[in-house]
Amino acid sequence: MNKDYLVKLLEILNSNISNEEKKKQILQYHESDIADLLDALDDDKREQLYQILGTENIAEVMVYSDDVSEILEDFEPSEAADLIEILDVDDAIDVLEELDEESRNQIINLLDKEVVEDIKAIKKYDEEMIGSKMTNNFITVSNTDNIKGAMKKVISDAAINDNVSTIYVLDQNDKLYGVIDLRDLIIAREGTNLETIVKKNYPTINAKTIVSECINELIEYGLDSYPIVDDDEKLIGVITTEDIIEVASDELADDYAKFAGLTEEEEDDETVISSVKKRLPWLLVLLVLGLLQSFLMTGFEYVVAALPIIVFFQTLVLDMSGNTGTQSLAVTIRMISNTKDVEEKKRLFKPVFKELRVGFLNGFVLAVLSFVFVFLFLKFTNQGVTSETFDVFEALKSAGIVGLSLMISMTVSSIVGTVIPILFKKINIDPAVASGPLITTINDVISLLIYYGLSILLFSLMM
């Protein structure tokens, strides 16, 4: 991205115009751009920018900074608390989590009691629950209000809550009655019944819902903000478009980490020990599977001794089956992630038959090609299989072993790459845990059994 804005912001900051004019011009830029400027400045220039922008603007800017803790260190604890109190509660939580425990507790003790209660209301939900992602930045009106009363309430609350495009209508029990689009409220005539512009049966999500189970619903509806309710169906918060994008990004990063064989996503600045803890568990699982693969190989030593040329093509079969399984895994996880409800989940077994056919057809094409290649290789290199001289019949059997193994292994690998994530989903394990390395190693073990099993059958080898 072109970052000419940094040059222009620096020019404004270093210009000879008044601080008031500097503030006016700087605030023409997005908070993210100003945060980039803040991160690039030395201590003296940052202090100058603080003085120019003032507390409220600094609070809005710092949430976009790459190092919030460093900014808060520039302020006294009481001043830092004032900054955090300005933020939406979800942003305040994010900022506080950037601090070390001592600084965090010190600032929390200085926060307004109402802010602390709002933070506690969100922090009581586990991180994997959607309630932990919600904000209290929304406006409500009563279903007993008239148009004039509702508009007056919106104008009054808009000074505190800037999430105004959707107005939430509550009944006498604080349950969500419906929503009003701000545009509809603005153009409504004063004598119009409020009921006529309220959208009822609006989608809601319980705060305890697991993020991974509702993220597709959040994206599909494409709402400016999505209401979050408690067990009594009372409106307790909303999740905004910005929050949805962040949640989706976090889920994607988490799935990518698991797909790579990590227990969870790694941070850029975490310690070596933390990275080891995240990577080691699955590596241990893969070690066990790798040892199983090695033990299987020792059981086929007599096959290798009798047919040494067979080992030459082993990696071809293992690699292709692993690649096929990973492809099926990726397609299946995507399909699972796009499936919302229980009824749709019944259709998840449909892809098993599709992947079986895809794996078989791909395997058949590659089997024919590999059969021709192996036979021609043995012929033109005059390679023998059980003897030193080339034998057509033995060469055909060897090429058949490679081709047939490839077709069967790719078919089986497609099924494995599809069935395992579906089974994980059924037993409430994140399908992304069926990582590429795990699927590949399992398919290697299966392919070895197929490859050497066919070698034994076609060459009538016995121990």
Protein backbone atom coordinates (compact mmCIF):
# COMPACT_ATOMS: atom_id res chain seq x y z
CA MET A 1 0.00 0.00 0.00
CA ASN A 2 1.20 3.51 -0.81
CA LYS A 3 2.17 5.23 2.44
CA ASP A 4 2.55 8.79 1.15
CA TYR A 5 0.11 9.79 3.88
CA LEU A 6 2.90 9.36 6.44
CA VAL A 7 5.00 11.95 4.63
CA LYS A 8 2.06 14.35 4.47
CA LEU A 9 1.20 13.83 8.14
CA LEU A 10 4.82 14.49 9.10
CA GLU A 11 4.77 17.67 7.02
CA ILE A 12 1.68 18.85 8.90
CA LEU A 13 3.21 17.96 12.28
CA ASN A 14 6.45 19.82 11.47
CA SER A 15 4.79 22.83 9.86
CA ASN A 16 4.64 26.33 11.41
CA ILE A 17 0.85 26.51 11.54
CA SER A 18 -1.00 26.63 14.88
CA ASN A 19 -1.67 23.46 16.88
CA GLU A 20 -5.39 23.96 16.32
CA GLU A 21 -4.88 24.00 12.55
CA LYS A 22 -2.54 21.00 12.80
CA LYS A 23 -5.22 19.10 14.72
CA LYS A 24 -7.84 19.99 12.13
CA GLN A 25 -5.68 18.79 9.23
CA ILE A 26 -4.41 15.63 10.95
CA LEU A 27 -7.95 14.55 11.85
CA GLN A 28 -8.82 14.60 8.16
CA TYR A 29 -6.93 11.27 8.01
CA HIS A 30 -8.20 7.89 9.24
CA GLU A 31 -7.27 6.85 12.78
CA SER A 32 -5.27 3.92 11.36
CA ASP A 33 -3.11 6.34 9.35
CA ILE A 34 -2.55 8.53 12.40
CA ALA A 35 -1.62 5.42 14.41
CA ASP A 36 1.03 4.59 11.81
CA LEU A 37 2.41 8.11 12.27
CA LEU A 38 2.38 7.67 16.05
CA ASP A 39 4.30 4.40 15.81
CA ALA A 40 6.94 6.04 13.59
CA LEU A 41 7.66 9.04 15.84
CA ASP A 42 10.34 9.43 18.50
CA ASP A 43 9.39 10.30 22.10
CA ASP A 44 9.51 14.08 21.67
CA LYS A 45 7.40 14.11 18.53
CA ARG A 46 4.88 11.71 20.07
CA GLU A 47 4.49 14.01 23.04
CA GLN A 48 3.90 16.87 20.60
CA LEU A 49 1.22 14.85 18.80
CA TYR A 50 -0.45 13.97 22.11
CA GLN A 51 -0.70 17.67 22.96
CA ILE A 52 -2.16 18.48 19.55
CA LEU A 53 -4.79 15.73 19.40
CA GLY A 54 -6.03 15.64 22.97
CA THR A 55 -7.18 12.72 25.12
CA GLU A 56 -10.32 11.69 23.21
CA ASN A 57 -8.62 11.56 19.80
CA ILE A 58 -5.56 9.76 21.16
CA ALA A 59 -7.87 7.10 22.61
CA GLU A 60 -9.52 6.55 19.22
CA VAL A 61 -6.13 6.39 17.49
CA MET A 62 -4.27 4.07 19.86
CA VAL A 63 -6.56 1.07 19.23
CA TYR A 64 -5.06 0.95 15.72
CA SER A 65 -1.48 1.05 16.97
CA ASP A 66 0.85 -1.94 16.65
CA ASP A 67 2.12 -1.30 20.18
CA VAL A 68 -0.63 0.02 22.45
CA SER A 69 1.34 -0.79 25.61
CA GLU A 70 4.17 1.51 24.50
CA ILE A 71 1.72 4.38 24.02
CA LEU A 72 0.15 3.88 27.44
CA GLU A 73 3.61 3.93 29.01
CA ASP A 74 3.85 7.56 27.90
CA PHE A 75 1.03 8.44 30.31
CA GLU A 76 0.53 8.33 34.05
CA PRO A 77 -1.74 5.47 35.20
CA SER A 78 -4.62 7.88 35.87
CA GLU A 79 -4.23 9.39 32.37
CA ALA A 80 -4.08 5.90 30.84
CA ALA A 81 -7.31 5.04 32.67
CA ASP A 82 -8.95 8.17 31.22
CA LEU A 83 -7.93 7.02 27.71
CA ILE A 84 -9.35 3.54 28.22
CA GLU A 85 -12.64 4.85 29.63
CA ILE A 86 -13.27 6.64 26.32
CA LEU A 87 -13.08 3.40 24.33
CA ASP A 88 -15.85 0.95 23.53
CA VAL A 89 -15.74 -1.81 26.11
CA ASP A 90 -14.51 -4.43 23.60
CA ASP A 91 -11.67 -2.15 22.52
CA ALA A 92 -10.89 -1.39 26.17
CA ILE A 93 -10.54 -5.12 26.86
CA ASP A 94 -8.23 -5.56 23.85
CA VAL A 95 -6.04 -2.68 25.03
CA LEU A 96 -5.86 -3.95 28.61
CA GLU A 97 -4.85 -7.42 27.41
CA GLU A 98 -1.81 -5.85 25.73
CA LEU A 99 -0.46 -4.75 29.11
CA ASP A 100 1.48 -6.76 31.67
CA GLU A 101 -0.52 -7.94 34.66
CA GLU A 102 0.81 -5.30 37.08
CA SER A 103 0.06 -2.36 34.75
CA ARG A 104 -3.33 -3.82 33.84
CA ASN A 105 -4.43 -4.21 37.46
CA GLN A 106 -3.17 -0.73 38.32
CA ILE A 107 -5.21 0.86 35.56
CA ILE A 108 -8.33 -1.24 36.24
CA ASN A 109 -8.32 0.01 39.84
CA LEU A 110 -8.48 3.57 38.48
CA LEU A 111 -11.31 2.98 36.03
CA ASP A 112 -14.86 4.15 36.62
CA LYS A 113 -16.96 1.46 38.33
CA GLU A 114 -19.47 1.41 35.47
CA VAL A 115 -16.67 0.73 32.96
CA VAL A 116 -15.31 -2.07 35.16
CA GLU A 117 -18.78 -3.65 35.32
CA ASP A 118 -19.09 -3.47 31.53
CA ILE A 119 -15.70 -5.16 31.17
CA LYS A 120 -16.67 -7.89 33.64
CA ALA A 121 -19.95 -8.47 31.75
CA ILE A 122 -17.98 -9.37 28.63
CA LYS A 123 -15.02 -11.08 30.32
CA LYS A 124 -17.35 -13.59 31.99
CA TYR A 125 -17.71 -15.31 28.62
CA ASP A 126 -14.99 -17.72 27.52
CA GLU A 127 -12.83 -16.55 24.64
CA GLU A 128 -14.35 -19.07 22.22
CA MET A 129 -17.88 -17.71 22.92
CA ILE A 130 -19.35 -14.94 20.77
CA GLY A 131 -20.23 -13.00 23.93
CA SER A 132 -16.53 -12.30 24.46
CA LYS A 133 -16.48 -10.42 21.12
CA MET A 134 -19.52 -8.17 21.66
CA THR A 135 -19.63 -4.46 22.44
CA ASN A 136 -22.05 -2.22 24.32
CA ASN A 137 -21.81 0.40 21.58
CA PHE A 138 -25.41 0.41 20.38
CA ILE A 139 -28.58 2.48 20.76
CA THR A 140 -31.95 1.25 22.00
CA VAL A 141 -35.45 2.68 22.06
CA SER A 142 -38.63 1.32 23.61
CA ASN A 143 -41.44 -0.22 21.59
CA THR A 144 -43.78 2.16 23.45
CA ASP A 145 -41.98 5.26 22.07
CA ASN A 146 -43.43 7.35 19.27
CA ILE A 147 -41.39 8.58 16.28
CA LYS A 148 -40.49 11.86 17.95
CA GLY A 149 -39.49 10.19 21.22
CA ALA A 150 -37.39 7.57 19.45
CA MET A 151 -35.60 10.21 17.35
CA LYS A 152 -34.88 12.27 20.45
CA LYS A 153 -33.41 9.22 22.19
CA VAL A 154 -31.20 8.41 19.18
CA ILE A 155 -29.87 11.98 18.97
CA SER A 156 -29.13 11.97 22.69
CA ASP A 157 -27.35 8.59 22.72
CA ALA A 158 -25.44 9.21 19.49
CA ALA A 159 -23.02 11.42 21.44
CA ILE A 160 -21.91 8.30 23.35
CA ASN A 161 -22.60 5.43 20.96
CA ASP A 162 -21.58 5.94 17.35
CA ASN A 163 -23.04 2.64 16.10
CA VAL A 164 -26.25 4.31 14.95
CA SER A 165 -27.17 2.75 11.59
CA THR A 166 -29.31 0.12 13.32
CA ILE A 167 -31.57 1.09 16.24
CA TYR A 168 -32.61 -1.74 18.57
CA VAL A 169 -36.17 -1.75 19.88
CA LEU A 170 -36.75 -3.34 23.29
CA ASP A 171 -39.92 -4.37 25.07
CA GLN A 172 -40.66 -3.73 28.74
CA ASN A 173 -38.53 -6.75 29.73
CA ASP A 174 -35.45 -5.57 27.78
CA LYS A 175 -36.00 -8.33 25.23
CA LEU A 176 -35.35 -7.55 21.59
CA TYR A 177 -38.65 -6.53 20.01
CA GLY A 178 -37.14 -5.66 16.64
CA VAL A 179 -34.86 -3.18 14.88
CA ILE A 180 -35.23 0.09 12.98
CA ASP A 181 -32.96 1.28 10.18
CA LEU A 182 -31.82 4.82 10.95
CA ARG A 183 -32.88 5.91 7.48
CA ASP A 184 -36.45 4.71 8.09
CA LEU A 185 -36.58 6.60 11.38
CA ILE A 186 -35.26 9.81 9.79
CA ILE A 187 -37.78 9.87 6.94
CA ALA A 188 -40.76 8.75 9.04
CA ARG A 189 -43.43 11.39 9.59
CA GLU A 190 -44.03 12.45 13.16
CA GLY A 191 -47.52 10.98 13.24
CA THR A 192 -46.38 7.60 11.88
CA ASN A 193 -46.79 4.64 14.21
CA LEU A 194 -43.34 3.40 15.28
CA GLU A 195 -44.61 -0.14 14.87
CA THR A 196 -44.80 0.29 11.08
CA ILE A 197 -41.02 0.81 10.69
CA VAL A 198 -39.90 -1.89 13.13
CA LYS A 199 -38.42 -5.07 11.61
CA LYS A 200 -39.44 -7.97 13.80
CA ASN A 201 -38.17 -11.56 13.87
CA TYR A 202 -34.65 -10.19 13.58
CA PRO A 203 -31.81 -12.75 13.82
CA THR A 204 -30.09 -13.03 17.19
CA ILE A 205 -27.26 -15.11 18.64
CA ASN A 206 -26.94 -16.34 22.21
CA ALA A 207 -23.82 -14.98 23.90
CA LYS A 208 -22.68 -18.51 24.81
CA THR A 209 -22.63 -19.69 21.20
CA ILE A 210 -19.18 -20.90 20.09
CA VAL A 211 -17.63 -18.50 17.58
CA SER A 212 -16.72 -21.21 15.06
CA GLU A 213 -20.36 -22.37 15.01
CA CYS A 214 -21.86 -18.99 14.17
CA ILE A 215 -19.22 -17.16 12.14
CA ASN A 216 -20.76 -18.22 8.81
CA GLU A 217 -24.18 -17.01 9.92
CA LEU A 218 -22.69 -13.64 10.90
CA ILE A 219 -21.02 -13.30 7.51
CA GLU A 220 -24.05 -14.54 5.56
CA TYR A 221 -26.49 -11.98 6.97
CA GLY A 222 -24.06 -9.10 6.32
CA LEU A 223 -25.59 -6.89 9.01
CA ASP A 224 -24.05 -3.64 10.22
CA SER A 225 -24.39 -5.04 13.71
CA TYR A 226 -25.72 -8.34 15.02
CA PRO A 227 -27.67 -8.53 18.31
CA ILE A 228 -26.32 -10.75 21.09
CA VAL A 229 -28.79 -12.01 23.72
CA ASP A 230 -28.52 -13.89 26.99
CA ASP A 231 -30.39 -17.04 28.04
CA ASP A 232 -33.48 -14.93 28.85
CA GLU A 233 -33.43 -13.44 25.32
CA LYS A 234 -32.48 -10.03 26.71
CA LEU A 235 -30.28 -7.84 24.49
CA ILE A 236 -26.88 -7.57 26.17
CA GLY A 237 -24.62 -6.46 23.31
CA VAL A 238 -23.98 -6.42 19.59
CA ILE A 239 -21.18 -7.52 17.32
CA THR A 240 -20.36 -5.00 14.60
CA THR A 241 -19.12 -5.52 11.04
CA GLU A 242 -15.62 -4.56 12.18
CA ASP A 243 -15.79 -7.16 14.96
CA ILE A 244 -17.10 -9.80 12.53
CA ILE A 245 -14.17 -9.19 10.17
CA GLU A 246 -11.76 -9.50 13.10
CA VAL A 247 -13.43 -12.68 14.37
CA ALA A 248 -13.41 -14.22 10.89
CA SER A 249 -9.74 -13.34 10.50
CA ASP A 250 -8.93 -14.91 13.89
CA GLU A 251 -10.85 -18.07 13.00
CA LEU A 252 -9.05 -18.31 9.68
CA ALA A 253 -5.66 -17.87 11.36
CA ASP A 254 -6.58 -20.48 13.98
CA ASP A 255 -7.68 -22.99 11.31
CA TYR A 256 -4.54 -22.30 9.29
CA ALA A 257 -2.41 -22.97 12.37
CA LYS A 258 -4.19 -26.27 13.04
CA PHE A 259 -4.00 -27.20 9.38
CA ALA A 260 -0.23 -26.75 9.66
CA GLY A 261 -0.09 -29.04 12.69
CA LEU A 262 -0.04 -26.43 15.49
CA THR A 263 -2.26 -26.54 18.57
CA GLU A 264 -3.00 -22.82 18.12
CA GLU A 265 -1.82 -19.75 16.22
CA GLU A 266 1.64 -18.42 17.03
CA GLU A 267 2.32 -14.76 17.74
CA ASP A 268 5.28 -13.00 16.16
CA ASP A 269 6.73 -11.88 19.48
CA GLU A 270 6.20 -14.97 21.60
CA THR A 271 9.05 -16.85 23.22
CA VAL A 272 10.79 -19.91 21.83
CA ILE A 273 9.35 -22.04 24.66
CA SER A 274 5.78 -20.93 23.83
CA SER A 275 6.30 -21.80 20.16
CA VAL A 276 7.70 -25.21 21.12
CA LYS A 277 4.65 -25.92 23.31
CA LYS A 278 2.31 -25.16 20.42
CA ARG A 279 4.19 -27.24 17.89
CA LEU A 280 5.34 -30.22 19.97
CA PRO A 281 2.00 -31.99 20.72
CA TRP A 282 1.15 -32.73 17.09
CA LEU A 283 4.77 -33.47 16.29
CA LEU A 284 4.65 -36.18 18.96
CA VAL A 285 1.51 -37.64 17.35
CA LEU A 286 3.23 -37.57 13.96
CA LEU A 287 6.33 -39.16 15.52
CA VAL A 288 4.25 -42.12 16.68
CA LEU A 289 2.71 -42.49 13.21
CA GLY A 290 6.16 -42.14 11.64
CA LEU A 291 7.51 -44.88 13.89
CA LEU A 292 4.57 -47.08 12.88
CA GLN A 293 5.48 -46.43 9.25
CA SER A 294 9.10 -47.42 9.96
CA PHE A 295 8.02 -50.60 11.76
CA LEU A 296 5.88 -51.51 8.75
CA MET A 297 8.90 -51.07 6.50
CA THR A 298 10.91 -53.49 8.61
CA GLY A 299 8.14 -56.04 8.05
CA PHE A 300 8.68 -55.75 4.31
CA GLU A 301 12.47 -56.17 4.36
CA TYR A 302 12.23 -59.48 2.52
CA VAL A 303 10.18 -57.78 -0.24
CA VAL A 304 12.83 -55.05 -0.59
CA ALA A 305 15.56 -57.71 -0.73
CA ALA A 306 13.76 -59.65 -3.46
CA LEU A 307 12.51 -56.62 -5.43
CA PRO A 308 14.97 -53.74 -4.84
CA ILE A 309 13.70 -51.85 -7.91
CA ILE A 310 10.28 -51.56 -6.22
CA VAL A 311 11.71 -49.21 -3.56
CA PHE A 312 12.73 -46.82 -6.33
CA PHE A 313 9.06 -45.97 -7.05
CA GLN A 314 7.81 -46.00 -3.45
CA THR A 315 8.01 -42.20 -2.96
CA LEU A 316 5.91 -41.66 -6.10
CA VAL A 317 2.99 -43.58 -4.61
CA LEU A 318 3.33 -42.05 -1.12
CA ASP A 319 3.63 -38.47 -2.38
CA MET A 320 0.65 -38.68 -4.71
CA SER A 321 -1.58 -40.28 -2.10
CA GLY A 322 -0.56 -37.61 0.43
CA ASN A 323 -1.29 -34.81 -2.04
CA THR A 324 -4.68 -36.30 -2.89
CA GLY A 325 -5.62 -36.62 0.77
CA THR A 326 -4.65 -33.01 1.48
CA GLN A 327 -6.77 -31.79 -1.43
CA SER A 328 -9.81 -33.69 -0.16
CA LEU A 329 -9.16 -32.42 3.36
CA ALA A 330 -9.09 -28.79 2.21
CA VAL A 331 -12.33 -29.18 0.20
CA THR A 332 -14.10 -30.95 3.09
CA ILE A 333 -13.08 -28.44 5.76
CA ARG A 334 -14.31 -25.61 3.55
CA MET A 335 -17.61 -27.44 3.05
CA ILE A 336 -17.99 -28.06 6.79
CA SER A 337 -17.24 -24.41 7.60
CA ASN A 338 -20.00 -23.32 5.19
CA THR A 339 -22.58 -25.63 6.78
CA LYS A 340 -24.78 -23.88 9.31
CA ASP A 341 -27.37 -26.20 10.81
CA VAL A 342 -27.92 -29.78 11.84
CA GLU A 343 -30.09 -30.63 8.85
CA GLU A 344 -27.41 -29.45 6.44
CA LYS A 345 -24.82 -31.50 8.28
CA LYS A 346 -26.64 -34.63 7.11
CA ARG A 347 -25.47 -33.71 3.63
CA LEU A 348 -21.85 -33.80 4.72
CA PHE A 349 -21.57 -37.50 3.86
CA LYS A 350 -22.43 -36.68 0.26
CA PRO A 351 -18.87 -35.42 -0.41
CA VAL A 352 -17.47 -38.81 0.65
CA PHE A 353 -18.92 -40.40 -2.49
CA LYS A 354 -17.92 -37.42 -4.62
CA GLU A 355 -14.31 -37.53 -3.38
CA LEU A 356 -14.25 -41.30 -3.88
CA ARG A 357 -15.12 -40.79 -7.56
CA VAL A 358 -12.71 -37.86 -7.95
CA GLY A 359 -9.89 -39.82 -6.30
CA PHE A 360 -10.58 -42.89 -8.41
CA LEU A 361 -10.66 -41.00 -11.72
CA ASN A 362 -7.53 -38.99 -10.89
CA GLY A 363 -5.86 -42.19 -9.71
CA PHE A 364 -6.86 -44.04 -12.87
CA VAL A 365 -5.39 -41.36 -15.17
CA LEU A 366 -2.13 -41.14 -13.20
CA ALA A 367 -2.00 -44.95 -12.86
CA VAL A 368 -2.04 -45.36 -16.65
CA LEU A 369 0.65 -42.72 -17.09
CA SER A 370 2.84 -44.19 -14.34
CA PHE A 371 2.35 -47.72 -15.72
CA VAL A 372 3.66 -46.59 -19.13
CA PHE A 373 6.51 -44.59 -17.58
CA VAL A 374 7.72 -47.39 -15.29
CA PHE A 375 7.59 -50.00 -18.04
CA LEU A 376 9.50 -47.77 -20.50
CA PHE A 377 12.02 -46.87 -17.80
CA LEU A 378 12.75 -50.54 -17.08
CA LYS A 379 12.92 -51.35 -20.79
CA PHE A 380 15.23 -48.53 -21.89
CA THR A 381 17.52 -48.86 -18.87
CA ASN A 382 17.47 -52.66 -19.33
CA GLN A 383 16.66 -53.02 -15.63
CA GLY A 384 15.81 -56.43 -14.27
CA VAL A 385 13.38 -56.92 -11.39
CA THR A 386 14.30 -60.30 -9.89
CA SER A 387 17.37 -60.77 -12.09
CA GLU A 388 20.01 -58.64 -13.75
CA THR A 389 18.46 -58.80 -17.24
CA PHE A 390 15.25 -57.20 -18.45
CA ASP A 391 12.16 -59.43 -18.50
CA VAL A 392 8.99 -58.15 -20.17
CA PHE A 393 6.59 -60.08 -17.95
CA GLU A 394 8.30 -58.96 -14.73
CA ALA A 395 8.50 -55.37 -16.02
CA LEU A 396 4.76 -55.42 -16.73
CA LYS A 397 4.06 -56.71 -13.22
CA SER A 398 6.30 -54.04 -11.66
CA ALA A 399 4.63 -51.28 -13.69
CA GLY A 400 1.27 -52.79 -12.73
CA ILE A 401 2.18 -52.68 -9.04
CA VAL A 402 3.06 -48.97 -9.26
CA GLY A 403 0.00 -48.06 -11.35
CA LEU A 404 -2.50 -50.14 -9.36
CA SER A 405 -1.06 -48.97 -6.03
CA LEU A 406 -1.31 -45.37 -7.20
CA MET A 407 -4.96 -45.74 -8.20
CA ILE A 408 -6.01 -47.56 -5.01
CA SER A 409 -3.96 -45.29 -2.73
CA MET A 410 -5.33 -42.09 -4.27
CA THR A 411 -8.89 -43.41 -4.00
CA VAL A 412 -8.43 -44.42 -0.37
CA SER A 413 -6.60 -41.16 0.44
CA SER A 414 -9.51 -39.13 -0.95
CA ILE A 415 -11.88 -41.00 1.35
CA VAL A 416 -9.58 -40.59 4.37
CA GLY A 417 -9.15 -36.85 3.69
CA THR A 418 -12.95 -36.51 3.62
CA VAL A 419 -14.09 -38.89 6.35
CA ILE A 420 -11.66 -37.87 9.11
CA PRO A 421 -12.68 -34.18 9.31
CA ILE A 422 -16.37 -35.17 9.13
CA LEU A 423 -15.91 -37.65 12.00
CA PHE A 424 -14.02 -34.99 13.98
CA LYS A 425 -16.96 -32.64 13.44
CA LYS A 426 -19.39 -35.31 14.59
CA ILE A 427 -17.53 -35.80 17.89
CA ASN A 428 -17.15 -32.03 18.40
CA ILE A 429 -13.46 -31.77 17.54
CA ASP A 430 -12.41 -28.89 15.29
CA PRO A 431 -12.08 -30.44 11.78
CA ALA A 432 -9.05 -28.23 11.14
CA VAL A 433 -7.20 -30.42 13.65
CA ALA A 434 -7.21 -33.06 10.89
CA SER A 435 -4.16 -31.21 9.66
CA GLY A 436 -2.26 -31.72 6.43
CA PRO A 437 0.67 -33.46 8.19
CA LEU A 438 -1.72 -35.80 10.05
CA ILE A 439 -3.66 -36.80 6.93
CA THR A 440 -0.44 -37.20 4.92
CA THR A 441 1.16 -39.47 7.53
CA ILE A 442 -1.96 -41.65 7.85
CA ASN A 443 -2.14 -41.97 4.07
CA ASP A 444 1.57 -42.87 3.94
CA VAL A 445 0.95 -45.78 6.28
CA ILE A 446 -2.05 -46.98 4.24
CA SER A 447 -0.20 -46.55 0.94
CA LEU A 448 2.77 -48.57 2.20
CA LEU A 449 0.47 -51.46 3.06
CA ILE A 450 -1.18 -51.28 -0.37
CA TYR A 451 2.10 -50.94 -2.28
CA TYR A 452 4.00 -53.74 -0.63
CA GLY A 453 0.89 -55.88 -0.30
CA LEU A 454 0.43 -55.81 -4.07
CA SER A 455 4.13 -56.55 -4.55
CA ILE A 456 3.77 -59.69 -2.44
CA LEU A 457 0.64 -60.81 -4.29
CA LEU A 458 1.84 -60.18 -7.84
CA PHE A 459 5.29 -61.71 -7.31
CA SER A 460 3.96 -64.49 -5.04
CA LEU A 461 6.48 -63.61 -2.31
CA MET A 462 6.17 -65.40 1.02
CA MET A 463 8.17 -65.02 4.17
